[in-house]
Amino acid sequence: MTALRAQGYRDVYGNPPPNLPEITASASLSQTSTFSDGSNLVSRLQGNYRDHYSNTVFSNPLYTTPSYVLMNLLFDYTFANSNFDVSLAINNLADRAEVSYRFTNQYGGETTQTWFPPREYIAGFHYKF
């Protein structure tokens, strides 16, 4: 039995650990505009980057989760002398089909993955008590 197991053994020492990208980064640019009536508009552009990574201990290129770049945009308008504000967020601004996570079953070899949603528009209406 030991001889049969030895045929399936593969030394994985020295390979990078799975599910750990080498580089991840996030940056945002934000501006607040104050109008003459006292209202405010916050505008924000956010970018996220994640490097590719191996999703198994075997470091096989077949089992690599690709890198991605995603951009999000936010506008938030606060009315003057009011507790009320409205916002509009646009996530995945470029409408890119990007893999958010990938999992490979170490015993069966099948791979499942999840994707970021396509471009989303999210409106918000807020009241502060």
N, C-alpha and C. Protein backbone atom coordinates (compact mmCIF):
# COMPACT_ATOMS: atom_id res chain seq x y z
N MET A 1 0.82 -1.19 0.00
CA MET A 1 0.00 0.00 0.00
C MET A 1 0.86 1.26 0.00
N THR A 2 1.98 1.19 0.73
CA THR A 2 2.88 2.34 0.80
C THR A 2 3.44 2.67 -0.58
N ALA A 3 3.73 1.68 -1.38
CA ALA A 3 4.27 1.90 -2.72
C ALA A 3 3.24 2.60 -3.61
N LEU A 4 1.96 2.27 -3.46
CA LEU A 4 0.92 2.93 -4.24
C LEU A 4 0.75 4.39 -3.82
N ARG A 5 0.83 4.63 -2.53
CA ARG A 5 0.73 6.01 -2.05
C ARG A 5 1.91 6.85 -2.51
N ALA A 6 3.09 6.28 -2.54
CA ALA A 6 4.30 7.01 -2.93
C ALA A 6 4.20 7.54 -4.35
N GLN A 7 3.49 6.84 -5.23
CA GLN A 7 3.34 7.30 -6.61
C GLN A 7 2.54 8.60 -6.68
N GLY A 8 1.62 8.80 -5.75
CA GLY A 8 0.81 10.01 -5.75
C GLY A 8 1.40 11.14 -4.95
N TYR A 9 2.52 10.90 -4.27
CA TYR A 9 3.14 11.91 -3.43
C TYR A 9 3.89 12.93 -4.29
N ARG A 10 3.76 14.19 -3.93
CA ARG A 10 4.49 15.25 -4.61
C ARG A 10 4.95 16.26 -3.57
N ASP A 11 6.22 16.57 -3.57
CA ASP A 11 6.78 17.53 -2.61
C ASP A 11 6.32 18.93 -2.99
N VAL A 12 5.62 19.61 -2.10
CA VAL A 12 5.13 20.96 -2.37
C VAL A 12 5.89 22.01 -1.55
N TYR A 13 6.90 21.59 -0.79
CA TYR A 13 7.68 22.55 -0.01
C TYR A 13 8.41 23.50 -0.94
N GLY A 14 8.40 24.77 -0.58
CA GLY A 14 9.03 25.79 -1.41
C GLY A 14 8.04 26.49 -2.35
N ASN A 15 6.86 25.90 -2.54
CA ASN A 15 5.84 26.56 -3.35
C ASN A 15 5.16 27.64 -2.52
N PRO A 16 4.64 28.67 -3.17
CA PRO A 16 3.94 29.71 -2.39
C PRO A 16 2.67 29.15 -1.77
N PRO A 17 2.29 29.68 -0.60
CA PRO A 17 1.04 29.21 0.00
C PRO A 17 -0.15 29.61 -0.87
N PRO A 18 -1.20 28.81 -0.87
CA PRO A 18 -2.35 29.12 -1.73
C PRO A 18 -3.14 30.32 -1.22
N ASN A 19 -3.84 30.94 -2.14
CA ASN A 19 -4.79 32.02 -1.84
C ASN A 19 -4.15 33.26 -1.21
N LEU A 20 -2.87 33.50 -1.52
CA LEU A 20 -2.20 34.70 -1.02
C LEU A 20 -1.57 35.45 -2.19
N PRO A 21 -2.23 36.49 -2.68
CA PRO A 21 -1.61 37.26 -3.76
C PRO A 21 -0.39 38.02 -3.25
N GLU A 22 0.57 38.23 -4.10
CA GLU A 22 1.78 38.95 -3.70
C GLU A 22 1.49 40.44 -3.48
N ILE A 23 0.59 41.00 -4.30
CA ILE A 23 0.30 42.43 -4.21
C ILE A 23 -1.21 42.65 -4.17
N THR A 24 -1.65 43.46 -3.24
CA THR A 24 -3.02 43.99 -3.25
C THR A 24 -2.90 45.49 -2.97
N ALA A 25 -3.73 46.26 -3.63
CA ALA A 25 -3.67 47.71 -3.45
C ALA A 25 -5.04 48.32 -3.60
N SER A 26 -5.25 49.40 -2.89
CA SER A 26 -6.50 50.15 -2.99
C SER A 26 -6.14 51.62 -2.86
N ALA A 27 -6.73 52.44 -3.71
CA ALA A 27 -6.50 53.88 -3.66
C ALA A 27 -7.79 54.60 -3.99
N SER A 28 -7.95 55.79 -3.43
CA SER A 28 -9.14 56.56 -3.74
C SER A 28 -8.79 58.04 -3.82
N LEU A 29 -9.54 58.72 -4.67
CA LEU A 29 -9.47 60.17 -4.79
C LEU A 29 -10.83 60.71 -4.37
N SER A 30 -10.83 61.68 -3.48
CA SER A 30 -12.08 62.19 -2.97
C SER A 30 -12.05 63.72 -2.98
N GLN A 31 -13.19 64.30 -3.28
CA GLN A 31 -13.31 65.76 -3.25
C GLN A 31 -14.65 66.11 -2.61
N THR A 32 -14.61 67.10 -1.73
CA THR A 32 -15.83 67.62 -1.13
C THR A 32 -16.04 69.04 -1.64
N SER A 33 -17.17 69.27 -2.25
CA SER A 33 -17.53 70.59 -2.76
C SER A 33 -18.62 71.17 -1.87
N THR A 34 -18.37 72.36 -1.34
CA THR A 34 -19.36 73.05 -0.52
C THR A 34 -19.96 74.18 -1.35
N PHE A 35 -21.27 74.20 -1.43
CA PHE A 35 -21.97 75.20 -2.24
C PHE A 35 -22.39 76.39 -1.37
N SER A 36 -22.76 77.48 -2.03
CA SER A 36 -23.08 78.73 -1.33
C SER A 36 -24.28 78.59 -0.38
N ASP A 37 -25.18 77.65 -0.65
CA ASP A 37 -26.33 77.47 0.24
C ASP A 37 -26.00 76.59 1.46
N GLY A 38 -24.75 76.08 1.54
CA GLY A 38 -24.35 75.26 2.67
C GLY A 38 -24.44 73.77 2.41
N SER A 39 -24.92 73.37 1.25
CA SER A 39 -24.98 71.94 0.94
C SER A 39 -23.60 71.45 0.50
N ASN A 40 -23.40 70.13 0.56
CA ASN A 40 -22.11 69.52 0.21
C ASN A 40 -22.30 68.40 -0.79
N LEU A 41 -21.30 68.23 -1.66
CA LEU A 41 -21.25 67.10 -2.57
C LEU A 41 -19.89 66.43 -2.41
N VAL A 42 -19.92 65.16 -2.03
CA VAL A 42 -18.69 64.37 -1.93
C VAL A 42 -18.62 63.50 -3.18
N SER A 43 -17.50 63.58 -3.88
CA SER A 43 -17.26 62.74 -5.06
C SER A 43 -16.03 61.88 -4.77
N ARG A 44 -16.14 60.58 -5.05
CA ARG A 44 -15.02 59.68 -4.74
C ARG A 44 -14.86 58.65 -5.86
N LEU A 45 -13.62 58.49 -6.31
CA LEU A 45 -13.25 57.45 -7.27
C LEU A 45 -12.30 56.51 -6.54
N GLN A 46 -12.63 55.22 -6.55
CA GLN A 46 -11.83 54.23 -5.83
C GLN A 46 -11.38 53.16 -6.80
N GLY A 47 -10.13 52.75 -6.66
CA GLY A 47 -9.58 51.66 -7.47
C GLY A 47 -9.04 50.56 -6.59
N ASN A 48 -9.26 49.31 -7.00
CA ASN A 48 -8.77 48.14 -6.26
C ASN A 48 -8.00 47.24 -7.22
N TYR A 49 -6.86 46.74 -6.75
CA TYR A 49 -6.05 45.81 -7.54
C TYR A 49 -5.68 44.62 -6.68
N ARG A 50 -5.77 43.44 -7.27
CA ARG A 50 -5.28 42.22 -6.61
C ARG A 50 -4.47 41.45 -7.63
N ASP A 51 -3.28 41.06 -7.26
CA ASP A 51 -2.39 40.29 -8.12
C ASP A 51 -2.91 38.85 -8.26
N HIS A 52 -2.49 38.16 -9.31
CA HIS A 52 -2.87 36.76 -9.49
C HIS A 52 -2.24 35.93 -8.35
N TYR A 53 -2.83 34.77 -8.11
CA TYR A 53 -2.27 33.89 -7.09
C TYR A 53 -2.65 32.45 -7.38
N SER A 54 -1.86 31.55 -6.83
CA SER A 54 -2.12 30.12 -6.95
C SER A 54 -3.19 29.75 -5.94
N ASN A 55 -4.21 29.03 -6.39
CA ASN A 55 -5.24 28.63 -5.43
C ASN A 55 -5.09 27.18 -4.98
N THR A 56 -3.90 26.60 -5.20
CA THR A 56 -3.56 25.29 -4.64
C THR A 56 -2.10 25.32 -4.17
N VAL A 57 -1.69 24.32 -3.45
CA VAL A 57 -0.29 24.23 -3.01
C VAL A 57 0.62 23.70 -4.11
N PHE A 58 0.06 23.30 -5.24
CA PHE A 58 0.85 22.66 -6.29
C PHE A 58 1.49 23.65 -7.25
N SER A 59 1.13 24.93 -7.20
CA SER A 59 1.69 25.98 -8.06
C SER A 59 1.59 25.62 -9.54
N ASN A 60 0.50 25.01 -9.92
CA ASN A 60 0.24 24.68 -11.32
C ASN A 60 -0.45 25.88 -11.97
N PRO A 61 0.05 26.38 -13.11
CA PRO A 61 -0.60 27.53 -13.76
C PRO A 61 -2.09 27.31 -14.06
N LEU A 62 -2.49 26.06 -14.18
CA LEU A 62 -3.90 25.74 -14.40
C LEU A 62 -4.75 26.19 -13.21
N TYR A 63 -4.16 26.17 -12.03
CA TYR A 63 -4.88 26.53 -10.81
C TYR A 63 -4.46 27.91 -10.31
N THR A 64 -4.52 28.89 -11.18
CA THR A 64 -4.16 30.27 -10.83
C THR A 64 -5.39 31.16 -10.94
N THR A 65 -5.63 31.93 -9.89
CA THR A 65 -6.70 32.91 -9.91
C THR A 65 -6.14 34.18 -10.55
N PRO A 66 -6.81 34.72 -11.57
CA PRO A 66 -6.24 35.88 -12.28
C PRO A 66 -6.28 37.16 -11.45
N SER A 67 -5.44 38.10 -11.81
CA SER A 67 -5.44 39.41 -11.16
C SER A 67 -6.65 40.20 -11.65
N TYR A 68 -6.94 41.30 -10.95
CA TYR A 68 -8.04 42.16 -11.40
C TYR A 68 -7.79 43.60 -11.00
N VAL A 69 -8.47 44.49 -11.72
CA VAL A 69 -8.54 45.91 -11.39
C VAL A 69 -10.01 46.29 -11.45
N LEU A 70 -10.53 46.84 -10.36
CA LEU A 70 -11.92 47.29 -10.33
C LEU A 70 -11.98 48.74 -9.88
N MET A 71 -12.88 49.50 -10.50
CA MET A 71 -13.06 50.91 -10.16
C MET A 71 -14.49 51.12 -9.67
N ASN A 72 -14.65 51.97 -8.64
CA ASN A 72 -15.96 52.32 -8.11
C ASN A 72 -16.06 53.84 -8.02
N LEU A 73 -17.28 54.35 -8.15
CA LEU A 73 -17.52 55.78 -8.12
C LEU A 73 -18.65 56.06 -7.13
N LEU A 74 -18.53 57.14 -6.36
CA LEU A 74 -19.55 57.49 -5.37
C LEU A 74 -19.79 58.99 -5.40
N PHE A 75 -21.07 59.36 -5.34
CA PHE A 75 -21.49 60.75 -5.15
C PHE A 75 -22.44 60.78 -3.96
N ASP A 76 -22.21 61.71 -3.04
CA ASP A 76 -23.09 61.85 -1.89
C ASP A 76 -23.40 63.33 -1.72
N TYR A 77 -24.68 63.68 -1.80
CA TYR A 77 -25.11 65.07 -1.69
C TYR A 77 -25.86 65.26 -0.38
N THR A 78 -25.36 66.19 0.45
CA THR A 78 -26.00 66.52 1.73
C THR A 78 -26.67 67.87 1.58
N PHE A 79 -27.96 67.91 1.83
CA PHE A 79 -28.72 69.15 1.71
C PHE A 79 -28.34 70.12 2.84
N ALA A 80 -28.44 71.42 2.54
CA ALA A 80 -28.11 72.45 3.52
C ALA A 80 -29.15 72.47 4.64
N ASN A 81 -28.69 72.68 5.86
CA ASN A 81 -29.57 72.80 7.04
C ASN A 81 -30.57 71.65 7.12
N SER A 82 -30.10 70.45 6.82
CA SER A 82 -31.00 69.30 6.79
C SER A 82 -30.26 68.07 7.29
N ASN A 83 -30.99 67.11 7.77
CA ASN A 83 -30.43 65.81 8.15
C ASN A 83 -30.57 64.80 7.03
N PHE A 84 -30.90 65.26 5.84
CA PHE A 84 -31.20 64.39 4.72
C PHE A 84 -30.08 64.46 3.69
N ASP A 85 -29.68 63.29 3.16
CA ASP A 85 -28.73 63.27 2.05
C ASP A 85 -29.07 62.13 1.10
N VAL A 86 -28.60 62.23 -0.12
CA VAL A 86 -28.82 61.21 -1.14
C VAL A 86 -27.46 60.82 -1.71
N SER A 87 -27.37 59.58 -2.15
CA SER A 87 -26.10 59.11 -2.71
C SER A 87 -26.34 58.23 -3.93
N LEU A 88 -25.33 58.18 -4.76
CA LEU A 88 -25.33 57.28 -5.91
C LEU A 88 -23.96 56.64 -5.98
N ALA A 89 -23.93 55.32 -5.93
CA ALA A 89 -22.68 54.57 -6.05
C ALA A 89 -22.74 53.74 -7.33
N ILE A 90 -21.64 53.71 -8.03
CA ILE A 90 -21.52 52.86 -9.23
C ILE A 90 -20.33 51.94 -8.97
N ASN A 91 -20.62 50.68 -8.75
CA ASN A 91 -19.58 49.69 -8.50
C ASN A 91 -19.25 48.95 -9.78
N ASN A 92 -17.97 48.57 -9.92
CA ASN A 92 -17.48 47.94 -11.14
C ASN A 92 -17.76 48.86 -12.34
N LEU A 93 -17.23 50.05 -12.24
CA LEU A 93 -17.50 51.12 -13.19
C LEU A 93 -17.25 50.72 -14.65
N ALA A 94 -16.20 49.97 -14.91
CA ALA A 94 -15.87 49.56 -16.28
C ALA A 94 -16.62 48.30 -16.72
N ASP A 95 -17.47 47.75 -15.85
CA ASP A 95 -18.26 46.56 -16.14
C ASP A 95 -17.37 45.39 -16.58
N ARG A 96 -16.32 45.15 -15.80
CA ARG A 96 -15.36 44.08 -16.11
C ARG A 96 -15.82 42.75 -15.50
N ALA A 97 -15.64 41.68 -16.24
CA ALA A 97 -15.92 40.34 -15.73
C ALA A 97 -14.66 39.84 -15.04
N GLU A 98 -14.63 39.97 -13.71
CA GLU A 98 -13.45 39.62 -12.93
C GLU A 98 -13.78 38.53 -11.91
N VAL A 99 -12.85 37.61 -11.73
CA VAL A 99 -13.00 36.53 -10.75
C VAL A 99 -12.64 37.08 -9.37
N SER A 100 -13.58 36.96 -8.43
CA SER A 100 -13.29 37.44 -7.08
C SER A 100 -12.64 36.36 -6.22
N TYR A 101 -12.96 35.09 -6.49
CA TYR A 101 -12.41 34.01 -5.68
C TYR A 101 -12.48 32.71 -6.48
N ARG A 102 -11.49 31.87 -6.29
CA ARG A 102 -11.46 30.56 -6.95
C ARG A 102 -11.03 29.51 -5.94
N PHE A 103 -11.69 28.36 -5.97
CA PHE A 103 -11.36 27.26 -5.07
C PHE A 103 -11.21 25.98 -5.88
N THR A 104 -10.12 25.27 -5.64
CA THR A 104 -9.90 23.98 -6.29
C THR A 104 -9.91 22.90 -5.23
N ASN A 105 -10.75 21.89 -5.42
CA ASN A 105 -10.81 20.75 -4.52
C ASN A 105 -9.52 19.96 -4.68
N GLN A 106 -8.75 19.85 -3.60
CA GLN A 106 -7.45 19.19 -3.66
C GLN A 106 -7.55 17.69 -3.96
N TYR A 107 -8.71 17.12 -3.75
CA TYR A 107 -8.85 15.68 -3.91
C TYR A 107 -9.55 15.30 -5.21
N GLY A 108 -10.42 16.16 -5.70
CA GLY A 108 -11.16 15.83 -6.91
C GLY A 108 -10.72 16.62 -8.13
N GLY A 109 -10.05 17.75 -7.90
CA GLY A 109 -9.53 18.53 -9.00
C GLY A 109 -10.50 19.53 -9.60
N GLU A 110 -11.81 19.44 -9.24
CA GLU A 110 -12.75 20.39 -9.82
C GLU A 110 -12.54 21.77 -9.20
N THR A 111 -12.77 22.79 -9.99
CA THR A 111 -12.58 24.17 -9.56
C THR A 111 -13.90 24.92 -9.62
N THR A 112 -14.19 25.66 -8.57
CA THR A 112 -15.35 26.55 -8.56
C THR A 112 -14.84 27.97 -8.37
N GLN A 113 -15.60 28.92 -8.87
CA GLN A 113 -15.18 30.31 -8.71
C GLN A 113 -16.39 31.21 -8.61
N THR A 114 -16.18 32.36 -8.01
CA THR A 114 -17.22 33.38 -7.95
C THR A 114 -16.72 34.62 -8.68
N TRP A 115 -17.65 35.36 -9.23
CA TRP A 115 -17.33 36.55 -10.01
C TRP A 115 -17.84 37.78 -9.29
N PHE A 116 -17.18 38.92 -9.52
CA PHE A 116 -17.73 40.17 -9.06
C PHE A 116 -18.99 40.46 -9.87
N PRO A 117 -19.98 41.11 -9.28
CA PRO A 117 -21.19 41.44 -10.05
C PRO A 117 -20.85 42.40 -11.19
N PRO A 118 -21.66 42.40 -12.24
CA PRO A 118 -21.47 43.40 -13.29
C PRO A 118 -21.73 44.79 -12.72
N ARG A 119 -21.60 45.80 -13.54
CA ARG A 119 -21.79 47.17 -13.06
C ARG A 119 -23.09 47.27 -12.27
N GLU A 120 -22.99 47.89 -11.09
CA GLU A 120 -24.15 48.06 -10.22
C GLU A 120 -24.37 49.55 -9.95
N TYR A 121 -25.61 49.95 -9.95
CA TYR A 121 -25.99 51.31 -9.57
C TYR A 121 -26.76 51.21 -8.26
N ILE A 122 -26.30 51.91 -7.25
CA ILE A 122 -26.93 51.83 -5.94
C ILE A 122 -27.28 53.24 -5.49
N ALA A 123 -28.56 53.51 -5.34
CA ALA A 123 -29.03 54.81 -4.86
C ALA A 123 -29.35 54.70 -3.39
N GLY A 124 -29.00 55.72 -2.64
CA GLY A 124 -29.29 55.72 -1.21
C GLY A 124 -29.96 57.01 -0.81
N PHE A 125 -30.90 56.89 0.11
CA PHE A 125 -31.60 58.04 0.68
C PHE A 125 -31.46 57.90 2.19
N HIS A 126 -30.85 58.90 2.83
CA HIS A 126 -30.51 58.78 4.24
C HIS A 126 -31.05 59.95 5.04
N TYR A 127 -31.47 59.64 6.24
CA TYR A 127 -31.92 60.67 7.17
C TYR A 127 -31.26 60.41 8.51
N LYS A 128 -30.60 61.42 9.06
CA LYS A 128 -29.92 61.31 10.35
C LYS A 128 -30.84 61.84 11.44
N PHE A 129 -31.14 61.00 12.43
CA PHE A 129 -32.01 61.39 13.54
C PHE A 129 -31.22 62.09 14.61
